Amino acid sequence: MSSTTNKDDVYHEKELILNTLKTSLGFAGFALLGGIFTATETVTANIRKTDDWINGAVGGCATGLTVGIRARSHKLGVGACLGIGGLMSLYEFSGAWKGLLRYKNEDEKNEWRRRFFKDNNQIVNEE
């Protein structure tokens, strides 16, 4: 049996500081994108004097364009602008964390809940 060593199997010492720096810069990049999104969304809301889904779309588009600039790709920038902007506008339009009942008053919320749970209980009981 001959003992041949594959060059991929040889252990190479890793640079602790270099690898830590690369990883940290990766996280910093995501933090920077979050900052760009938040800043753009806030400035847009302040200029328009309204808080709606368009602000999320503009913030998402700015973030996507930043990704494209960083990658030096127009196609990626436009695609990321449309993708992130579209997802964020959909998220904001659907009510964000507040859900479907965001703009309803208390009576409308209670009526919606009563109908929702009544209808769903009938479905569960039929099975």
Protein backbone atom coordinates (compact mmCIF):
# COMPACT_ATOMS: atom_id res chain seq x y z
CA MET A 1 0.00 0.00 0.00
CA SER A 2 1.43 3.29 -0.97
CA SER A 3 0.84 6.25 1.24
CA THR A 4 0.00 9.22 -0.93
CA THR A 5 -1.08 12.49 0.58
CA ASN A 6 -3.66 14.59 -1.10
CA LYS A 7 -2.80 18.29 -0.94
CA ASP A 8 -6.35 19.02 0.31
CA ASP A 9 -5.81 16.68 3.28
CA VAL A 10 -2.82 18.57 4.65
CA TYR A 11 -3.60 20.86 7.57
CA HIS A 12 -2.72 24.47 7.01
CA GLU A 13 -2.54 26.78 10.00
CA LYS A 14 -5.29 29.31 10.09
CA GLU A 15 -4.76 32.96 10.74
CA LEU A 16 -6.76 33.74 13.87
CA ILE A 17 -6.80 37.49 13.49
CA LEU A 18 -7.38 37.43 9.73
CA ASN A 19 -10.30 34.98 9.97
CA THR A 20 -11.82 36.92 12.87
CA LEU A 21 -11.51 40.15 10.91
CA LYS A 22 -13.12 38.63 7.80
CA THR A 23 -16.03 37.28 9.85
CA SER A 24 -16.49 40.57 11.68
CA LEU A 25 -16.52 42.52 8.44
CA GLY A 26 -19.18 40.14 7.13
CA PHE A 27 -21.40 40.92 10.11
CA ALA A 28 -20.59 44.61 9.80
CA GLY A 29 -21.77 44.49 6.20
CA PHE A 30 -25.17 43.16 7.25
CA ALA A 31 -25.36 45.78 9.99
CA LEU A 32 -24.53 48.45 7.43
CA LEU A 33 -27.33 47.23 5.15
CA GLY A 34 -29.73 47.37 8.09
CA GLY A 35 -28.61 50.90 8.83
CA ILE A 36 -29.07 51.95 5.21
CA PHE A 37 -32.57 50.47 5.17
CA THR A 38 -33.59 52.13 8.43
CA ALA A 39 -32.10 55.51 7.52
CA THR A 40 -33.71 55.55 4.07
CA GLU A 41 -37.09 54.42 5.40
CA THR A 42 -37.01 57.08 8.13
CA VAL A 43 -35.93 59.91 5.81
CA THR A 44 -38.62 58.91 3.31
CA ALA A 45 -41.28 58.87 6.03
CA ASN A 46 -40.17 62.29 7.28
CA ILE A 47 -40.16 63.82 3.80
CA ARG A 48 -43.57 62.34 2.92
CA LYS A 49 -44.95 62.93 6.44
CA THR A 50 -46.69 59.56 6.40
CA ASP A 51 -45.95 56.04 7.61
CA ASP A 52 -47.02 53.50 5.01
CA TRP A 53 -45.74 50.69 2.81
CA ILE A 54 -44.03 53.03 0.32
CA ASN A 55 -41.38 53.92 2.91
CA GLY A 56 -40.48 50.23 3.26
CA ALA A 57 -40.30 49.87 -0.52
CA VAL A 58 -37.92 52.83 -0.84
CA GLY A 59 -35.76 51.58 2.05
CA GLY A 60 -35.63 48.07 0.59
CA CYS A 61 -34.76 49.39 -2.84
CA ALA A 62 -31.92 51.52 -1.42
CA THR A 63 -30.60 48.46 0.40
CA GLY A 64 -30.78 46.37 -2.77
CA LEU A 65 -28.99 49.02 -4.80
CA THR A 66 -26.26 49.10 -2.14
CA VAL A 67 -25.82 45.34 -2.52
CA GLY A 68 -25.51 45.79 -6.29
CA ILE A 69 -22.98 48.61 -5.94
CA ARG A 70 -20.92 46.51 -3.53
CA ALA A 71 -20.95 43.58 -5.97
CA ARG A 72 -20.36 45.92 -8.94
CA SER A 73 -23.32 44.45 -10.78
CA HIS A 74 -26.17 46.49 -12.24
CA LYS A 75 -28.33 43.40 -12.66
CA LEU A 76 -27.87 42.37 -9.04
CA GLY A 77 -28.59 45.91 -7.87
CA VAL A 78 -31.84 46.16 -9.82
CA GLY A 79 -32.90 42.64 -8.85
CA ALA A 80 -32.12 43.18 -5.18
CA CYS A 81 -33.87 46.56 -5.29
CA LEU A 82 -37.03 44.96 -6.67
CA GLY A 83 -36.76 41.90 -4.42
CA ILE A 84 -36.00 43.55 -1.09
CA GLY A 85 -38.19 46.56 -1.86
CA GLY A 86 -41.07 44.30 -2.87
CA LEU A 87 -40.77 42.08 0.19
CA MET A 88 -40.53 45.01 2.59
CA SER A 89 -43.47 46.81 0.99
CA LEU A 90 -45.54 43.62 1.19
CA TYR A 91 -44.56 43.22 4.83
CA GLU A 92 -45.50 46.82 5.63
CA PHE A 93 -48.69 46.66 3.55
CA SER A 94 -49.87 43.51 5.35
CA GLY A 95 -49.67 45.28 8.69
CA ALA A 96 -46.12 44.47 9.81
CA TRP A 97 -46.13 43.06 13.33
CA LYS A 98 -49.58 44.45 14.04
CA GLY A 99 -51.35 42.13 11.62
CA LEU A 100 -54.56 42.42 9.68
CA LEU A 101 -56.38 44.26 12.45
CA ARG A 102 -54.02 47.23 12.41
CA TYR A 103 -56.48 49.88 11.22
CA LYS A 104 -59.64 48.50 12.81
CA ASN A 105 -61.23 49.95 15.94
CA GLU A 106 -61.98 47.77 18.98
CA ASP A 107 -65.54 46.91 17.92
CA GLU A 108 -64.39 45.84 14.46
CA LYS A 109 -61.58 43.77 15.98
CA ASN A 110 -63.94 42.00 18.36
CA GLU A 111 -66.43 41.28 15.55
CA TRP A 112 -63.66 39.94 13.31
CA ARG A 113 -62.35 37.69 16.09
CA ARG A 114 -65.83 36.43 16.94
CA ARG A 115 -66.54 35.49 13.30
CA PHE A 116 -63.07 34.04 12.74
CA PHE A 117 -63.10 31.76 15.76
CA LYS A 118 -66.76 30.80 15.34
CA ASP A 119 -66.20 29.73 11.73
CA ASN A 120 -63.00 27.87 12.54
CA ASN A 121 -64.54 26.06 15.52
CA GLN A 122 -67.27 24.70 13.26
CA ILE A 123 -64.65 23.36 10.87
CA VAL A 124 -62.71 21.69 13.69
CA ASN A 125 -65.86 20.16 15.22
CA GLU A 126 -66.98 18.71 11.86
CA GLU A 127 -63.78 16.67 11.53
